[in-house]
Protein backbone atom coordinates (compact mmCIF):
# COMPACT_ATOMS: atom_id res chain seq x y z
CA MET A 1 -25.17 -17.13 9.83
CA MET A 2 -23.88 -20.47 11.16
CA ARG A 3 -21.34 -20.79 8.37
CA GLN A 4 -19.82 -17.46 9.34
CA THR A 5 -18.89 -18.93 12.72
CA TRP A 6 -16.75 -21.55 10.95
CA ILE A 7 -14.20 -18.88 9.96
CA ASP A 8 -11.22 -18.92 12.32
CA LYS A 9 -8.62 -16.20 11.79
CA GLU A 10 -6.09 -18.20 13.82
CA ASP A 11 -6.39 -21.28 11.59
CA ALA A 12 -3.46 -22.33 9.39
CA VAL A 13 -5.76 -22.05 6.35
CA SER A 14 -6.04 -18.43 5.19
CA VAL A 15 -9.28 -16.52 5.77
CA VAL A 16 -9.66 -16.16 1.99
CA GLN A 17 -9.54 -19.94 1.46
CA GLN A 18 -11.84 -20.57 4.45
CA CYS A 19 -14.43 -18.20 2.98
CA VAL A 20 -14.30 -19.99 -0.38
CA LEU A 21 -14.69 -23.40 1.26
CA ALA A 22 -17.55 -22.25 3.51
CA GLY A 23 -19.30 -20.29 0.76
CA VAL A 24 -19.16 -17.10 2.84
CA SER A 25 -18.58 -13.58 1.53
CA ARG A 26 -15.27 -12.14 2.72
CA ALA A 27 -16.90 -8.71 2.93
CA THR A 28 -19.33 -10.12 5.50
CA ILE A 29 -16.51 -11.50 7.63
CA TYR A 30 -14.46 -8.34 7.92
CA ALA A 31 -17.57 -6.15 8.22
CA ARG A 32 -18.34 -8.03 11.44
CA GLN A 33 -14.93 -7.25 12.92
CA LYS A 34 -15.21 -4.84 15.82
CA PRO A 35 -12.32 -2.52 16.56
CA GLY A 36 -10.90 -2.84 20.05
CA PRO A 37 -10.95 -0.01 22.62
CA VAL A 38 -8.89 2.96 21.52
CA ASP A 39 -6.62 4.96 23.81
CA GLU A 40 -7.39 8.66 23.27
CA SER A 41 -3.77 9.72 23.82
CA ASP A 42 -2.66 7.17 21.21
CA LEU A 43 -5.23 8.62 18.81
CA LEU A 44 -3.87 12.12 19.32
CA LEU A 45 -0.28 11.01 18.79
CA SER A 46 -1.29 8.96 15.75
CA ARG A 47 -3.02 11.99 14.24
CA LEU A 48 0.10 14.12 14.73
CA ILE A 49 2.38 11.38 13.38
CA ASP A 50 0.14 10.90 10.34
CA GLU A 51 0.13 14.62 9.50
CA GLU A 52 3.88 15.01 9.95
CA TYR A 53 4.64 11.83 7.99
CA THR A 54 2.48 13.05 5.12
CA ARG A 55 4.54 16.26 5.07
CA ARG A 56 7.88 14.53 5.66
CA PRO A 57 7.73 10.85 4.63
CA PHE A 58 11.46 10.48 5.25
CA TYR A 59 10.89 10.78 9.02
CA GLY A 60 11.53 7.59 10.97
CA SER A 61 10.75 7.00 14.64
CA ARG A 62 13.75 8.96 15.95
CA LYS A 63 12.86 12.18 14.14
CA MET A 64 9.20 11.66 14.98
CA VAL A 65 10.05 11.54 18.70
CA VAL A 66 11.88 14.86 18.35
CA PHE A 67 8.89 16.36 16.51
CA LEU A 68 6.39 15.18 19.14
CA LYS A 69 8.50 16.43 22.04
CA ALA A 70 8.81 19.83 20.34
CA ALA A 71 5.02 19.86 20.11
CA GLY A 72 4.80 19.33 23.88
CA HIS A 73 4.21 15.59 24.09
CA SER A 74 6.35 13.47 26.41
CA VAL A 75 6.82 10.24 24.48
CA ASN A 76 9.56 7.64 24.10
CA ARG A 77 10.78 6.02 20.91
CA LYS A 78 9.31 2.61 21.76
CA ARG A 79 5.80 4.05 21.83
CA VAL A 80 6.33 5.94 18.58
CA GLN A 81 7.64 2.76 16.93
CA ARG A 82 4.54 0.88 18.07
CA LEU A 83 2.19 3.56 16.73
CA MET A 84 4.02 3.82 13.42
CA ARG A 85 3.99 0.03 13.09
CA GLU A 86 0.22 -0.05 13.72
CA MET A 87 -0.23 2.69 11.12
CA GLY A 88 1.97 0.91 8.59
CA LEU A 89 4.44 3.81 8.44
CA ALA A 90 8.20 3.79 8.03
CA GLY A 91 10.72 6.45 7.03
CA MET A 92 11.88 6.41 3.41
CA ALA A 93 15.51 6.17 4.43
CA PRO A 94 16.95 2.62 4.31
CA GLY A 95 16.49 0.73 7.54
CA PRO A 96 15.11 -2.44 9.10
CA ASN A 97 11.67 -1.12 10.10
CA THR A 98 9.91 -1.03 6.74
CA SER A 99 6.69 -2.83 5.73
CA ARG A 100 6.73 -6.03 7.71
CA PRO A 101 6.89 -9.24 5.67
CA HIS A 102 5.64 -12.58 6.92
CA SER A 103 8.49 -14.95 7.77
CA GLU A 104 7.13 -17.72 5.51
CA HIS A 105 5.92 -15.66 2.55
CA LYS A 106 7.89 -15.51 -0.68
CA VAL A 107 9.28 -12.09 -1.61
CA TYR A 108 9.64 -11.16 -5.29
CA PRO A 109 12.29 -8.91 -6.89
CA TYR A 110 11.62 -5.35 -8.04
CA LEU A 111 11.28 -5.29 -11.84
CA LEU A 112 10.43 -1.69 -12.73
CA ARG A 113 13.59 0.36 -12.27
CA GLY A 114 14.40 1.98 -15.60
CA VAL A 115 11.28 0.53 -17.29
CA SER A 116 9.24 2.96 -19.41
CA VAL A 117 5.50 2.63 -18.80
CA VAL A 118 3.94 3.62 -22.14
CA ARG A 119 0.36 2.29 -22.06
CA PRO A 120 -2.57 1.71 -19.70
CA ASN A 121 -2.67 -1.65 -17.89
CA GLN A 122 1.05 -2.17 -18.36
CA VAL A 123 1.78 -1.68 -14.66
CA TRP A 124 -0.56 -1.51 -11.67
CA SER A 125 0.48 -1.03 -8.07
CA THR A 126 -1.04 -1.02 -4.60
CA ASP A 127 -0.37 0.13 -1.06
CA ILE A 128 -2.07 0.64 2.30
CA THR A 129 -2.31 3.87 4.29
CA TYR A 130 -3.62 4.90 7.71
CA ILE A 131 -6.74 7.11 7.84
CA ARG A 132 -7.65 8.87 11.07
CA LEU A 133 -11.24 9.12 12.29
CA ALA A 134 -12.69 11.29 15.06
CA HIS A 135 -12.63 8.38 17.54
CA GLY A 136 -10.62 5.68 15.87
CA PHE A 137 -8.86 4.88 12.63
CA ALA A 138 -9.13 2.88 9.43
CA TYR A 139 -6.86 1.52 6.74
CA LEU A 140 -7.25 2.34 3.06
CA VAL A 141 -5.92 0.21 0.20
CA ALA A 142 -6.04 1.19 -3.47
CA VAL A 143 -4.93 -0.17 -6.83
CA ILE A 144 -3.74 2.39 -9.40
CA ASP A 145 -2.67 2.30 -13.03
CA TRP A 146 0.82 3.79 -13.39
CA TYR A 147 0.37 5.14 -16.92
CA SER A 148 -2.75 7.21 -16.17
CA ARG A 149 -2.58 7.48 -12.34
CA ARG A 150 -6.20 6.27 -12.35
CA VAL A 151 -7.52 4.73 -9.12
CA LEU A 152 -8.93 1.41 -10.33
CA SER A 153 -10.34 0.17 -7.02
CA TRP A 154 -10.15 0.84 -3.28
CA ARG A 155 -11.30 -0.60 0.04
CA ILE A 156 -11.28 0.43 3.70
CA SER A 157 -10.97 -1.79 6.76
CA ASN A 158 -10.44 -1.47 10.52
CA SER A 159 -7.66 -4.05 10.42
CA MET A 160 -4.61 -4.70 8.24
CA GLU A 161 -5.56 -8.28 7.36
CA ALA A 162 -4.99 -9.40 3.79
CA VAL A 163 -8.66 -10.06 3.00
CA PHE A 164 -9.64 -6.48 2.13
CA CYS A 165 -6.54 -6.17 -0.07
CA VAL A 166 -7.55 -9.31 -1.96
CA ASP A 167 -11.07 -7.92 -2.45
CA CYS A 168 -9.62 -4.67 -3.79
CA LEU A 169 -7.39 -6.53 -6.24
CA GLU A 170 -10.20 -8.77 -7.46
CA GLU A 171 -12.47 -5.78 -8.07
CA ALA A 172 -9.79 -4.08 -10.17
CA LEU A 173 -9.28 -7.25 -12.23
CA ARG A 174 -13.00 -7.79 -12.64
CA THR A 175 -13.63 -4.19 -13.74
CA HIS A 176 -10.53 -3.25 -15.74
CA GLY A 177 -8.97 -6.45 -17.08
CA LYS A 178 -5.44 -7.21 -15.97
CA PRO A 179 -1.99 -5.60 -16.04
CA GLU A 180 1.22 -7.09 -17.35
CA ILE A 181 3.06 -6.32 -14.08
CA PHE A 182 1.68 -5.77 -10.58
CA ASN A 183 3.85 -3.97 -8.03
CA SER A 184 3.52 -3.72 -4.24
CA ASP A 185 5.72 -3.36 -1.18
CA GLN A 186 6.86 -6.39 0.81
CA GLY A 187 4.12 -6.12 3.45
CA SER A 188 2.58 -9.39 4.64
CA GLN A 189 -0.79 -8.53 3.06
CA PHE A 190 0.76 -8.47 -0.41
CA THR A 191 3.13 -11.41 0.05
CA SER A 192 0.34 -13.64 1.40
CA GLU A 193 -0.70 -16.62 -0.70
CA GLY A 194 -4.27 -15.32 -0.84
CA PHE A 195 -3.01 -12.21 -2.65
CA THR A 196 -0.22 -13.58 -4.83
CA ASP A 197 -2.29 -16.61 -5.89
CA VAL A 198 -4.83 -14.27 -7.51
CA LEU A 199 -2.04 -12.66 -9.54
CA LYS A 200 -0.51 -16.00 -10.49
CA GLN A 201 -3.86 -17.40 -11.64
CA GLU A 202 -4.19 -14.44 -14.00
CA GLY A 203 -0.65 -14.86 -15.33
CA ILE A 204 0.43 -11.46 -14.01
CA VAL A 205 4.13 -10.81 -13.32
CA ILE A 206 4.74 -9.88 -9.66
CA SER A 207 7.13 -7.10 -8.64
CA MET A 208 7.89 -5.90 -5.10
CA ASP A 209 9.68 -2.79 -3.84
CA GLY A 210 13.27 -3.20 -2.72
CA ARG A 211 14.19 -2.72 0.94
CA GLY A 212 14.56 0.94 1.82
CA ARG A 213 13.23 1.98 -1.62
CA ALA A 214 9.97 3.81 -0.83
CA PHE A 215 10.29 5.71 -4.12
CA ASP A 216 9.83 2.42 -5.98
CA ASN A 217 6.08 2.90 -5.40
CA ILE A 218 6.09 6.71 -5.53
CA PHE A 219 2.86 7.04 -7.51
CA VAL A 220 0.76 5.51 -4.73
CA GLU A 221 2.63 7.62 -2.15
CA ARG A 222 1.62 10.74 -4.09
CA LEU A 223 -1.97 9.51 -4.17
CA TRP A 224 -2.01 9.18 -0.36
CA ARG A 225 -0.70 12.73 0.01
CA SER A 226 -3.48 14.03 -2.24
CA VAL A 227 -6.19 12.02 -0.48
CA LYS A 228 -5.19 13.30 2.95
CA HIS A 229 -4.51 16.95 2.18
CA GLU A 230 -7.41 17.40 -0.24
CA ASP A 231 -10.03 15.36 1.60
CA VAL A 232 -9.37 13.54 4.88
CA TYR A 233 -7.69 16.38 6.81
CA LEU A 234 -10.27 18.89 5.61
CA LYS A 235 -13.38 16.88 6.41
CA GLY A 236 -12.41 15.05 9.63
CA TYR A 237 -14.53 11.93 9.15
CA ALA A 238 -16.15 10.60 12.32
CA SER A 239 -17.00 7.02 11.30
CA MET A 240 -16.28 4.28 8.78
CA GLY A 241 -19.63 5.02 7.09
CA GLU A 242 -18.77 8.70 6.63
CA LEU A 243 -15.32 7.77 5.38
CA MET A 244 -16.74 5.33 2.84
CA LEU A 245 -19.12 7.93 1.38
CA GLY A 246 -16.52 10.70 1.46
CA LEU A 247 -13.82 8.65 -0.27
CA ALA A 248 -16.30 7.51 -2.93
CA ASP A 249 -16.93 11.16 -3.76
CA TYR A 250 -13.23 12.05 -3.64
CA PHE A 251 -12.03 9.23 -5.89
CA ALA A 252 -14.77 10.04 -8.41
CA PHE A 253 -13.48 13.64 -8.40
CA TYR A 254 -9.84 12.48 -8.54
CA ASN A 255 -10.42 10.25 -11.58
CA ASN A 256 -12.99 12.32 -13.50
CA GLU A 257 -12.45 16.00 -12.68
CA ARG A 258 -9.11 16.73 -11.02
CA PRO A 259 -6.47 17.82 -13.58
CA HIS A 260 -2.99 16.35 -13.09
CA GLN A 261 0.09 18.37 -13.94
CA SER A 262 2.04 15.20 -14.80
CA LEU A 263 -0.70 14.32 -17.32
CA GLY A 264 -0.64 17.70 -19.07
CA GLN A 265 -3.60 18.89 -16.97
CA LYS A 266 -5.75 15.99 -18.21
CA THR A 267 -7.71 13.74 -15.86
CA PRO A 268 -6.75 10.12 -15.15
CA ASP A 269 -10.00 8.90 -16.73
CA VAL A 270 -9.28 10.65 -20.04
CA VAL A 271 -5.68 9.40 -20.16
CA TYR A 272 -6.68 5.85 -19.21
CA ARG A 273 -9.46 5.76 -21.82
CA THR A 274 -7.51 7.33 -24.70
CA ALA A 275 -4.02 5.98 -23.88
CA ILE A 276 -2.66 9.44 -24.70
CA GLY A 277 -0.74 11.79 -22.42
CA GLY A 278 0.37 9.44 -19.67
CA GLY A 279 3.51 7.52 -18.84
CA ALA A 280 5.84 6.75 -15.96
CA MET A 281 9.34 5.56 -15.20
CA ILE A 282 11.38 4.95 -12.05
CA VAL A 283 14.77 6.35 -12.98
CA ASP A 284 17.55 3.77 -12.99
CA LYS A 285 20.51 5.34 -11.21
CA PHE A 286 22.72 2.42 -12.29
CA PRO A 287 22.11 2.25 -16.07
CA ARG A 288 25.30 0.33 -16.78
CA THR A 289 25.25 -2.49 -14.26
CA VAL A 290 25.51 -6.18 -14.03
CA GLU A 291 23.77 -8.25 -11.41
CA VAL A 292 25.97 -9.86 -8.79
CA ARG A 293 24.55 -12.87 -6.98
CA SER A 294 26.11 -12.87 -3.58
CA GLU A 295 26.22 -15.91 -1.35
CA ALA A 296 23.84 -14.12 1.02
CA ALA A 297 21.36 -13.47 -1.80
CA GLU A 298 21.50 -17.07 -2.97
CA ASN A 299 20.75 -18.32 0.55
CA MET A 300 17.80 -16.02 1.27
CA LYS A 301 14.95 -17.65 3.15
CA PRO A 302 11.25 -17.27 2.20
CA GLY A 303 9.93 -13.97 3.56
CA GLN A 304 13.38 -12.43 4.01
CA ARG A 305 13.47 -8.89 2.61
CA ARG A 306 15.45 -8.54 -0.60
CA PRO A 307 17.87 -5.60 -0.93
CA ALA A 308 16.90 -2.85 -3.35
CA ALA A 309 19.65 -3.90 -5.75
CA SER A 310 22.44 -6.48 -5.77
CA GLN A 311 24.50 -4.70 -8.38
CA VAL A 312 27.92 -3.18 -8.97
CA GLU A 313 28.90 -0.55 -11.50
CA TYR A 314 30.15 -2.04 -14.72
CA GLU A 315 33.16 -0.45 -16.36
CA ALA A 316 32.90 -0.73 -20.14
């Protein structure tokens, strides 16, 4: 118990590294975290925002303000921006308020546009989503295989710290081997050294979504829509314990029983195991292009968001 008190979230050394040095389980550290007091009106607005965003993921804060006012809620854009930021939400249209990178974290280029995914464990990806509870909220992270759409691992937490994302990644690697390429957005959890170091140690190529390119990670976005409409919204979980049990049942159903139209009505488990019937590709809208390295791109600082593409059309 004493060693757990050595962990300081404000220290320059990451929580992941502190846990290794102290010989303390990371799961124990974030299980002890207590969520702060929750404003009931914020919870109501967050629930409405979450439902509307799931239906219309292209909505940013401006459109969300209009939606909430039409629903009878007097709210300003600043409050909606704060709630969406806490929920990790941003409209799919290009703009500055996307997943927030850390100012000192390295950001990697997106490598998957136009790439055909033709086998399991070729490409994995991850993301975080907001999950509402009766009197609070949680965050869910998952790792999926692009070829089969199989959910390889998942974790929930009451904070958006990187530690539960690292645990989720390590479980996927421990259970399913490793991918050739791992894709994420540019959020600080995924650009943190604790997360990227795990990938580097395994020799995995790192890819990150371009700015304003939510469709770069569309397969995880579709997973979140399924999770919420088919499970979370229907069951209305009251606590983290209920959510944990409910999601365990849902992901078992999703992987083992739920047929997927994109997989020829097969299940992700069957496609992952047999390597037949899957596949994925993010369509390259600029098939005949050459990369242009602008002065601005050459002088990018660590943590600065990369544009979705620094390209111009090439005339043959």
